[in-house]
Amino acid sequence: MLASLFNVFLVLSVLKIINLGYTLMLIYPRSSILQLSYGFDSLIPYNTRIIAWGLGMQTTFFFPTNTSNFMITTLQARSEDTDIPRDIFYKYVINFLDSTGLSGEDCLLRAICEVAHTPFHVEKKNGLLEKIAHFIFTPSLSYETGRRIIENYRNKTIYEFEDNLLFAEEMGKRQENCQSLFSSCLVSIIDVVSKTVRI
């Protein structure tokens, strides 16, 4: 109630000043912001599984702290591609695994090898998660069509990095022992999220 009374007082004051022939602008102290946080979470039943889905957003409005903040500026819409290239995604995975104390690159290569060695069993009624994992851990879906520019990544070029990913996939397809090939990875990240069933 006090806030609405203040707003009414503010509007009346501005109207009084306008009648005098000039307007004053309301300036806020430095670092004044209005933050709105909102989110949506949902559990989606999917046959024999439940998928947790969440969406969160935060909007921040910076209040004017100077009269130059009232200038109208034109903002250009972003036109760049929003897809993340596979090698950038793999770098995120490697950095995350490194931050947990695992050997990031070797654990990624071992996961790629294991998925190629024993592909996920995909059924029509519950194959979405398996299809996503298959897409993520199958680098040949992107890299066999051509190569991009050379970039440095931990003293390796992208060519060498792609070759290592494709090598791991090929070794898995040849039924090689992925654990011994990538022995510096102590934990199989595929075994954390799945299990092998002998038929």
Protein backbone atom coordinates (compact mmCIF):
# COMPACT_ATOMS: atom_id res chain seq x y z
CA MET A 1 0.00 0.00 0.00
CA LEU A 2 2.85 2.35 0.86
CA ALA A 3 4.46 1.67 -2.53
CA SER A 4 1.26 2.50 -4.41
CA LEU A 5 0.89 5.76 -2.44
CA PHE A 6 4.46 6.63 -3.37
CA ASN A 7 3.68 5.94 -7.05
CA VAL A 8 0.62 8.21 -6.93
CA PHE A 9 2.70 10.95 -5.29
CA LEU A 10 5.40 10.50 -7.96
CA VAL A 11 2.88 10.76 -10.82
CA LEU A 12 1.26 13.87 -9.32
CA SER A 13 4.69 15.47 -8.84
CA VAL A 14 5.65 14.80 -12.46
CA LEU A 15 2.32 16.23 -13.69
CA LYS A 16 2.87 19.34 -11.57
CA ILE A 17 6.38 19.76 -13.03
CA ILE A 18 5.05 19.27 -16.59
CA ASN A 19 2.57 22.09 -15.97
CA LEU A 20 5.54 24.32 -15.10
CA GLY A 21 6.92 23.77 -18.60
CA TYR A 22 9.76 21.34 -18.02
CA THR A 23 10.12 17.70 -16.97
CA LEU A 24 12.45 16.06 -14.54
CA MET A 25 13.56 12.49 -14.97
CA LEU A 26 13.72 10.01 -12.14
CA ILE A 27 17.32 8.90 -11.52
CA TYR A 28 18.06 5.90 -9.33
CA PRO A 29 21.18 5.20 -7.23
CA ARG A 30 23.98 3.23 -8.88
CA SER A 31 23.48 -0.53 -9.21
CA SER A 32 19.69 -0.26 -8.95
CA ILE A 33 18.07 -3.21 -10.68
CA LEU A 34 14.79 -5.05 -10.87
CA GLN A 35 15.21 -8.80 -11.21
CA LEU A 36 12.45 -11.21 -12.14
CA SER A 37 13.08 -14.93 -11.80
CA TYR A 38 10.54 -17.43 -13.00
CA GLY A 39 10.58 -21.07 -13.85
CA PHE A 40 8.63 -24.13 -14.81
CA ASP A 41 9.35 -27.72 -13.84
CA SER A 42 7.51 -30.77 -15.04
CA LEU A 43 7.76 -34.53 -14.78
CA ILE A 44 6.81 -36.19 -18.04
CA PRO A 45 5.81 -39.86 -17.85
CA TYR A 46 7.32 -41.67 -20.80
CA ASN A 47 6.26 -45.34 -20.82
CA THR A 48 8.47 -47.02 -18.23
CA ARG A 49 10.41 -43.86 -17.37
CA ILE A 50 9.90 -40.36 -16.10
CA ILE A 51 11.71 -37.46 -17.74
CA ALA A 52 12.32 -34.39 -15.59
CA TRP A 53 12.03 -31.21 -17.64
CA GLY A 54 12.70 -27.74 -16.33
CA LEU A 55 12.85 -24.26 -17.77
CA GLY A 56 14.14 -21.28 -15.83
CA MET A 57 14.54 -17.69 -16.86
CA GLN A 58 15.83 -14.58 -15.19
CA THR A 59 15.25 -11.08 -16.47
CA THR A 60 17.20 -8.11 -15.18
CA PHE A 61 16.19 -4.51 -15.74
CA PHE A 62 18.79 -1.85 -14.98
CA PHE A 63 17.28 1.39 -13.73
CA PRO A 64 18.59 4.68 -15.13
CA THR A 65 21.41 6.14 -13.05
CA ASN A 66 22.32 8.98 -15.40
CA THR A 67 20.38 11.16 -17.84
CA SER A 68 22.35 9.61 -20.70
CA ASN A 69 20.54 6.33 -19.94
CA PHE A 70 17.42 7.81 -21.51
CA MET A 71 18.91 7.93 -24.99
CA ILE A 72 17.18 5.61 -27.42
CA THR A 73 19.52 2.94 -28.70
CA THR A 74 18.95 0.55 -31.56
CA LEU A 75 19.70 -3.08 -30.80
CA GLN A 76 20.51 -5.45 -33.64
CA ALA A 77 18.96 -8.88 -33.55
CA ARG A 78 21.46 -11.68 -33.35
CA SER A 79 21.98 -13.41 -36.65
CA GLU A 80 24.63 -15.96 -35.78
CA ASP A 81 23.93 -19.67 -35.79
CA THR A 82 22.89 -20.97 -32.37
CA ASP A 83 23.90 -24.60 -32.90
CA ILE A 84 26.87 -25.79 -30.87
CA PRO A 85 29.41 -27.67 -33.00
CA ARG A 86 30.11 -31.20 -31.82
CA ASP A 87 33.76 -30.50 -30.96
CA ILE A 88 32.76 -27.53 -28.76
CA PHE A 89 30.21 -29.75 -26.99
CA TYR A 90 32.87 -32.42 -26.47
CA LYS A 91 35.19 -29.78 -25.00
CA TYR A 92 32.48 -28.89 -22.48
CA VAL A 93 32.13 -32.58 -21.58
CA ILE A 94 35.92 -32.96 -21.22
CA ASN A 95 36.18 -29.86 -19.02
CA PHE A 96 33.30 -31.08 -16.84
CA LEU A 97 34.88 -34.52 -16.42
CA ASP A 98 38.26 -32.92 -15.67
CA SER A 99 36.62 -30.79 -12.98
CA THR A 100 35.31 -33.94 -11.27
CA GLY A 101 38.81 -35.40 -11.08
CA LEU A 102 38.45 -37.83 -13.97
CA SER A 103 40.64 -37.93 -17.05
CA GLY A 104 38.21 -35.98 -19.23
CA GLU A 105 39.39 -36.78 -22.74
CA ASP A 106 40.07 -40.45 -22.05
CA CYS A 107 36.68 -40.87 -20.34
CA LEU A 108 34.95 -39.29 -23.34
CA LEU A 109 36.88 -41.55 -25.74
CA ARG A 110 36.06 -44.59 -23.59
CA ALA A 111 32.35 -43.68 -23.63
CA ILE A 112 32.41 -43.32 -27.42
CA CYS A 113 34.18 -46.66 -27.72
CA GLU A 114 31.71 -48.41 -25.37
CA VAL A 115 28.65 -47.05 -27.20
CA ALA A 116 30.08 -48.30 -30.51
CA HIS A 117 31.04 -51.64 -28.87
CA THR A 118 27.61 -52.28 -27.34
CA PRO A 119 24.98 -50.03 -28.94
CA PHE A 120 21.90 -49.10 -26.95
CA HIS A 121 18.87 -51.32 -27.44
CA VAL A 122 16.21 -49.00 -28.81
CA GLU A 123 12.57 -50.00 -28.56
CA LYS A 124 9.74 -48.08 -30.17
CA LYS A 125 8.00 -47.42 -26.85
CA ASN A 126 11.00 -46.03 -24.96
CA GLY A 127 13.84 -45.14 -27.28
CA LEU A 128 14.14 -41.36 -26.94
CA LEU A 129 16.93 -41.27 -24.35
CA GLU A 130 18.84 -44.02 -26.13
CA LYS A 131 18.60 -42.12 -29.42
CA ILE A 132 19.92 -38.97 -27.76
CA ALA A 133 22.85 -40.87 -26.18
CA HIS A 134 23.58 -42.59 -29.50
CA PHE A 135 23.65 -39.22 -31.26
CA ILE A 136 25.93 -37.66 -28.64
CA PHE A 137 28.44 -40.52 -28.51
CA THR A 138 28.67 -41.23 -32.25
CA PRO A 139 31.14 -38.69 -33.67
CA SER A 140 31.06 -40.17 -37.17
CA LEU A 141 27.62 -38.59 -37.62
CA SER A 142 29.38 -35.21 -37.95
CA TYR A 143 33.03 -35.76 -38.72
CA GLU A 144 33.05 -38.13 -41.67
CA THR A 145 31.65 -35.50 -44.04
CA GLY A 146 34.61 -33.16 -43.91
CA ARG A 147 36.98 -31.19 -41.78
CA ARG A 148 36.84 -27.64 -40.51
CA ILE A 149 39.57 -25.11 -39.91
CA ILE A 150 42.47 -26.02 -37.69
CA GLU A 151 42.26 -24.81 -34.10
CA ASN A 152 44.51 -25.59 -31.19
CA TYR A 153 43.09 -27.68 -28.40
CA ARG A 154 45.54 -28.71 -25.69
CA ASN A 155 48.44 -28.84 -28.15
CA LYS A 156 46.33 -30.82 -30.60
CA THR A 157 44.73 -29.60 -33.75
CA ILE A 158 41.06 -30.20 -34.36
CA TYR A 159 42.13 -32.75 -36.96
CA GLU A 160 43.90 -34.82 -34.32
CA PHE A 161 41.01 -34.42 -31.88
CA GLU A 162 38.50 -35.59 -34.50
CA ASP A 163 40.78 -38.49 -35.45
CA ASN A 164 40.94 -39.58 -31.81
CA LEU A 165 37.15 -39.52 -31.56
CA LEU A 166 36.75 -41.51 -34.78
CA PHE A 167 39.49 -43.93 -33.66
CA ALA A 168 37.64 -44.60 -30.39
CA GLU A 169 34.41 -45.27 -32.28
CA GLU A 170 36.15 -47.59 -34.75
CA MET A 171 37.82 -49.56 -31.94
CA GLY A 172 34.42 -50.04 -30.33
CA LYS A 173 32.92 -51.29 -33.59
CA ARG A 174 35.80 -53.79 -33.86
CA GLN A 175 34.90 -55.12 -30.38
CA GLU A 176 38.22 -54.04 -28.85
CA ASN A 177 38.53 -53.75 -25.06
CA CYS A 178 37.63 -50.08 -24.43
CA GLN A 179 38.68 -50.22 -20.78
CA SER A 180 42.25 -51.25 -21.62
CA LEU A 181 42.50 -48.85 -24.59
CA PHE A 182 41.58 -45.87 -22.39
CA SER A 183 42.95 -47.13 -19.08
CA SER A 184 43.51 -43.69 -17.54
CA CYS A 185 39.72 -43.36 -17.29
CA LEU A 186 38.87 -45.15 -14.06
CA VAL A 187 35.07 -44.93 -14.32
CA SER A 188 32.87 -45.71 -17.29
CA ILE A 189 30.38 -42.87 -17.66
CA ILE A 190 28.20 -45.16 -19.79
CA ASP A 191 27.97 -47.70 -16.94
CA VAL A 192 26.75 -44.91 -14.65
CA VAL A 193 23.63 -44.34 -16.79
CA SER A 194 23.04 -47.79 -18.30
CA LYS A 195 23.65 -51.48 -17.81
CA THR A 196 24.60 -54.24 -20.21
CA VAL A 197 22.16 -57.12 -20.52
CA ARG A 198 23.31 -60.37 -22.14
CA ILE A 199 20.64 -61.94 -24.35
